[in-house]
Structures are given as structure tokens and as C-alpha cells.
Amino acid sequence: MKTILIHGMGNTSADFQVQWQAATRLNCPVSDLIPLYYEDLMDSTVLSGLTRLVIKAASAYYQQSFSLAELLLADYLQDATSFMTNAKLRQDIANRLEHQLAPLSPQEPITLVGYSLGGLIAVWLTLSQSWLTDKHPLTLATIACPLGSPLQGIATLIKTLFPSKPLKRPPVERFINVYSALDPLSGKLKNLGCDLQHRIALEDRILHTNVAEYLTALAPLLQ
């Protein structure tokens, strides 16, 4: 079974699967990992008003200065804004994935793992790209996915991507969501038909960048 890894923040390099130590964390061979890298497709635009709204909300949550919150979240929010508002970018990402999966046999099972913004991208792919769900039995796993974020600014951005409510369940065989109650850029996904939602407790305050802990929590849920 192949595992597709979709990264999150904008400062992630093309070798992000090594940085994640994903093969170790997910207990799968490196040869079975397919990284979907998209940072080179992103626009380097100035942060939008909606982005700044989210930064202010995060600053209040963390009880830190606006400048520090911006430093921590600017890359993520800039990419989130680009993805949610740019249809061509979304299609370019889908086309790249289709090209990467072309060598696979039809009906080969796939696990699609998306971290942070990557989780949002994974949900969008399963809802919008019928070639993906028609060709392969899919397990969808989102970790620290902003679809469940309690921050109003994030919710406002998501409405530009998914204007119709309520969202339907992605057409996948299994749907797993891992989140932390202390991570405001993640949360329990409501009305999406998750088969399993797992809340983890992390000790450090800035939780969203703790990819290793999220992957470790996900691994046994995929068995």
C-alpha cells in the first residue's frame, strides 16, 4: 500500500518526508511513501486582510505579541489563502498528484495523509477529483487539519473554498482525523462522517508544528 504525504507550512522543503521521519513514525518503508510537494506552485503574495485577521486571533490565543504570531504563522496563512482562493493552483496540485500516481496499478489501495494545510488539500482532493476516488480504494487521514479550527478567521477563509454547506463525507473507505484541543489550527471535524476522531494531548504550548507527535499518534490508527 502506498502512502501519500501532503505537507503543511510554506517553509517545508522538497525533502519534507525525511524531515518528518515519516517512514519511522508511520511504520512503513520509504519506498512506499509518495510526497506531494506543492510549495513551488504557490504565489509569494502579501498577506491578505483575512490572513491578518487570523494572525490577530492566533496572537490573542497564544497571548503573544502580534509580531511573533506573524512570524510563526505567516507562511502557513499565506499558503492557505493562496490555496483557498486560487482555482488554478488547486488544479495544478491535483494534476501533479495524478502524474505521480500514474505508474500505480488501478485499484491499488492508497493512504492519503495530510498535515495542517495538507489535510485541507487532502479533503479537497477526495471531494473534487473523481479520478482519484474511482481508481483507488482510499484511506484519508487528516492531522492538525484547519477544517476543525475554532478560529473565526480560518472559518472565513474555508468558506471561499467550500461555499456550500454542509460538506458531504469524502468518498473514501476510511476517514481518520487526529487533532489536539490545545491546537487552535486543528479541531474535531463536524458533519464530515469521520470513522475515527482521535484527540491527543501535547505538552508544549505551540502545538501546531509538532508534526512528529501527530504522526506517532496516527500510526496505530492506520493498522
Protein backbone atom coordinates (compact mmCIF):
# COMPACT_ATOMS: atom_id res chain seq x y z
CA MET A 1 0.00 0.00 0.00
CA LYS A 2 1.30 3.44 -0.93
CA THR A 3 1.12 6.39 1.45
CA ILE A 4 0.80 9.89 0.01
CA LEU A 5 2.15 12.59 2.32
CA ILE A 6 0.89 16.15 1.88
CA HIS A 7 2.90 18.71 3.84
CA GLY A 8 1.71 21.81 5.63
CA MET A 9 3.56 25.06 6.22
CA GLY A 10 5.12 27.00 3.41
CA ASN A 11 8.71 26.64 4.62
CA THR A 12 8.67 22.87 4.02
CA SER A 13 11.32 21.62 1.61
CA ALA A 14 11.01 19.01 -1.09
CA ASP A 15 12.59 16.52 1.35
CA PHE A 16 9.84 17.02 3.90
CA GLN A 17 9.14 13.30 4.22
CA VAL A 18 12.67 12.87 5.57
CA GLN A 19 12.22 15.82 7.93
CA TRP A 20 9.03 14.27 9.22
CA GLN A 21 10.86 10.98 9.72
CA ALA A 22 7.63 9.68 8.30
CA ALA A 23 8.88 6.20 7.47
CA THR A 24 9.72 5.65 11.13
CA ARG A 25 6.68 7.37 12.55
CA LEU A 26 4.20 5.60 10.26
CA ASN A 27 5.97 2.24 10.28
CA CYS A 28 6.15 1.95 6.52
CA PRO A 29 9.03 1.57 4.01
CA VAL A 30 10.39 4.73 2.47
CA SER A 31 9.75 3.14 -0.95
CA ASP A 32 6.02 3.20 -0.19
CA LEU A 33 5.96 6.95 0.54
CA ILE A 34 4.85 9.37 -2.17
CA PRO A 35 5.38 13.01 -1.15
CA LEU A 36 3.03 15.53 -2.74
CA TYR A 37 5.09 18.72 -2.71
CA TYR A 38 3.33 21.94 -3.76
CA GLU A 39 5.29 24.86 -2.30
CA ASP A 40 6.90 25.69 -5.65
CA LEU A 41 3.41 26.23 -7.09
CA MET A 42 2.46 28.84 -4.51
CA ASP A 43 2.32 32.59 -5.01
CA SER A 44 4.54 34.71 -2.75
CA THR A 45 1.90 37.39 -2.30
CA VAL A 46 1.44 39.90 0.50
CA LEU A 47 -0.74 38.64 3.34
CA SER A 48 -4.39 39.45 2.77
CA GLY A 49 -6.77 41.13 5.19
CA LEU A 50 -8.31 37.76 6.00
CA THR A 51 -4.87 36.38 6.77
CA ARG A 52 -4.15 39.22 9.18
CA LEU A 53 -7.49 38.57 10.87
CA VAL A 54 -6.39 35.01 11.58
CA ILE A 55 -2.98 36.15 12.83
CA LYS A 56 -4.63 38.54 15.30
CA ALA A 57 -6.87 35.74 16.56
CA ALA A 58 -3.88 33.43 16.98
CA SER A 59 -1.93 36.18 18.74
CA ALA A 60 -4.74 36.57 21.27
CA TYR A 61 -4.93 32.80 21.76
CA TYR A 62 -1.23 32.38 22.41
CA GLN A 63 -1.08 35.60 24.47
CA GLN A 64 1.94 36.67 22.47
CA SER A 65 2.80 39.78 20.51
CA PHE A 66 1.35 40.22 17.03
CA SER A 67 4.84 40.26 15.52
CA LEU A 68 5.73 36.86 16.99
CA ALA A 69 2.43 35.33 15.89
CA GLU A 70 3.02 36.68 12.41
CA LEU A 71 6.49 35.17 12.38
CA LEU A 72 5.08 31.77 13.34
CA LEU A 73 2.03 31.75 11.08
CA ALA A 74 2.73 33.95 8.07
CA ASP A 75 3.99 31.18 5.80
CA TYR A 76 1.09 28.89 6.68
CA LEU A 77 -1.58 31.55 6.29
CA GLN A 78 -0.16 32.90 3.07
CA ASP A 79 -0.27 29.42 1.55
CA ALA A 80 -3.75 28.80 2.97
CA THR A 81 -5.04 31.99 1.40
CA SER A 82 -3.46 31.11 -1.95
CA PHE A 83 -4.87 27.60 -1.97
CA MET A 84 -8.38 28.57 -0.93
CA THR A 85 -8.75 31.42 -3.42
CA ASN A 86 -6.76 30.25 -6.46
CA ALA A 87 -8.56 27.64 -8.59
CA LYS A 88 -5.61 27.25 -10.97
CA LEU A 89 -3.28 26.48 -8.08
CA ARG A 90 -5.65 23.81 -6.79
CA GLN A 91 -5.85 22.20 -10.21
CA ASP A 92 -2.06 22.31 -10.59
CA ILE A 93 -1.75 20.40 -7.30
CA ALA A 94 -4.32 17.84 -8.46
CA ASN A 95 -2.52 17.43 -11.79
CA ARG A 96 0.79 16.85 -10.02
CA LEU A 97 -0.75 14.13 -7.85
CA GLU A 98 -2.33 12.46 -10.88
CA HIS A 99 1.07 12.41 -12.60
CA GLN A 100 2.72 10.92 -9.50
CA LEU A 101 0.12 8.16 -9.22
CA ALA A 102 0.09 7.29 -12.93
CA PRO A 103 2.56 4.35 -12.52
CA LEU A 104 0.35 2.66 -9.91
CA SER A 105 -1.99 -0.16 -10.82
CA PRO A 106 -5.71 0.61 -10.85
CA GLN A 107 -7.40 -0.32 -7.58
CA GLU A 108 -4.11 -0.26 -5.65
CA PRO A 109 -5.00 0.88 -2.10
CA ILE A 110 -3.71 4.28 -1.04
CA THR A 111 -3.45 6.07 2.29
CA LEU A 112 -3.68 9.84 1.91
CA VAL A 113 -2.13 11.65 4.89
CA GLY A 114 -2.41 15.43 5.10
CA TYR A 115 -0.84 17.57 7.82
CA SER A 116 -2.22 21.05 8.57
CA LEU A 117 -2.94 22.76 5.24
CA GLY A 118 -2.10 19.41 3.66
CA GLY A 119 -5.12 17.95 5.45
CA LEU A 120 -7.36 20.58 3.89
CA ILE A 121 -5.82 19.82 0.50
CA ALA A 122 -6.41 16.09 1.05
CA VAL A 123 -10.09 16.64 1.83
CA TRP A 124 -10.47 18.87 -1.23
CA LEU A 125 -8.78 16.28 -3.46
CA THR A 126 -11.11 13.49 -2.33
CA LEU A 127 -14.19 15.66 -2.80
CA SER A 128 -13.27 17.17 -6.16
CA GLN A 129 -11.09 14.67 -8.06
CA SER A 130 -13.26 11.72 -9.05
CA TRP A 131 -10.36 10.06 -10.91
CA LEU A 132 -8.65 9.61 -7.54
CA THR A 133 -11.54 8.04 -5.67
CA ASP A 134 -12.67 5.98 -8.69
CA LYS A 135 -9.23 4.45 -9.32
CA HIS A 136 -8.03 3.66 -5.81
CA PRO A 137 -9.52 2.44 -2.52
CA LEU A 138 -8.60 5.30 -0.19
CA THR A 139 -7.93 5.81 3.48
CA LEU A 140 -7.98 9.53 4.29
CA ALA A 141 -6.08 10.68 7.38
CA THR A 142 -6.01 14.35 8.39
CA ILE A 143 -3.75 15.55 11.21
CA ALA A 144 -3.96 19.07 12.65
CA CYS A 145 -6.45 19.91 9.91
CA PRO A 146 -7.73 23.53 9.89
CA LEU A 147 -11.21 22.40 8.81
CA GLY A 148 -11.85 21.87 12.50
CA SER A 149 -10.22 25.11 13.69
CA PRO A 150 -12.25 27.23 16.14
CA LEU A 151 -10.63 30.43 14.83
CA GLN A 152 -13.21 32.54 13.00
CA GLY A 153 -10.66 33.84 10.51
CA ILE A 154 -9.86 30.30 9.38
CA ALA A 155 -13.59 29.57 9.04
CA THR A 156 -13.95 32.66 6.85
CA LEU A 157 -11.15 31.51 4.56
CA ILE A 158 -12.58 27.98 4.32
CA LYS A 159 -15.92 29.35 3.14
CA THR A 160 -14.17 30.61 0.00
CA LEU A 161 -13.07 27.04 -0.78
CA PHE A 162 -16.23 25.21 0.29
CA PRO A 163 -19.08 27.72 -0.15
CA SER A 164 -21.79 25.05 0.01
CA LYS A 165 -22.87 23.80 3.41
CA PRO A 166 -22.94 21.25 4.79
CA LEU A 167 -19.91 19.46 3.40
CA LYS A 168 -20.50 15.88 2.38
CA ARG A 169 -18.39 12.97 3.52
CA PRO A 170 -15.41 12.34 1.23
CA PRO A 171 -15.97 9.13 -0.80
CA VAL A 172 -13.24 7.13 0.93
CA GLU A 173 -13.21 3.74 2.64
CA ARG A 174 -11.84 5.11 5.94
CA PHE A 175 -11.61 8.66 7.27
CA ILE A 176 -9.43 9.40 10.32
CA ASN A 177 -8.85 12.80 11.95
CA VAL A 178 -6.21 13.47 14.63
CA TYR A 179 -6.34 16.78 16.48
CA SER A 180 -5.46 18.46 19.75
CA ALA A 181 -7.76 20.57 21.90
CA LEU A 182 -4.77 22.84 22.58
CA ASP A 183 -4.01 23.42 18.89
CA PRO A 184 -6.28 26.21 17.54
CA LEU A 185 -5.38 25.37 13.93
CA SER A 186 -6.87 21.90 14.36
CA GLY A 187 -10.09 20.52 15.78
CA LYS A 188 -12.79 17.89 15.64
CA LEU A 189 -14.32 17.70 12.17
CA LYS A 190 -18.08 18.09 12.37
CA ASN A 191 -20.61 16.65 9.92
CA LEU A 192 -17.95 15.09 7.69
CA GLY A 193 -18.60 11.48 8.57
CA CYS A 194 -15.22 10.65 10.10
CA ASP A 195 -14.92 6.99 11.06
CA LEU A 196 -12.48 7.86 13.85
CA GLN A 197 -11.58 11.15 15.53
CA HIS A 198 -8.67 10.96 17.92
CA ARG A 199 -7.75 13.80 20.29
CA ILE A 200 -4.19 13.88 21.54
CA ALA A 201 -2.71 15.83 24.44
CA LEU A 202 0.58 17.62 23.83
CA GLU A 203 2.58 19.44 26.48
CA ASP A 204 4.19 22.35 24.68
CA ARG A 205 2.13 25.47 24.04
CA ILE A 206 2.97 25.96 20.36
CA LEU A 207 1.49 22.66 19.24
CA HIS A 208 0.76 23.04 15.57
CA THR A 209 4.36 22.46 14.45
CA ASN A 210 4.71 19.23 16.43
CA VAL A 211 4.36 17.00 13.37
CA ALA A 212 6.23 14.08 14.92
CA GLU A 213 3.72 13.76 17.77
CA TYR A 214 0.79 13.89 15.36
CA LEU A 215 2.31 11.19 13.13
CA THR A 216 3.12 9.00 16.12
CA ALA A 217 -0.49 9.23 17.27
CA LEU A 218 -1.77 8.44 13.77
CA ALA A 219 0.37 5.34 13.14
CA PRO A 220 -1.59 2.81 15.27
CA LEU A 221 -4.88 4.14 13.94
CA LEU A 222 -3.89 3.13 10.42
CA GLN A 223 -3.37 -0.53 11.34
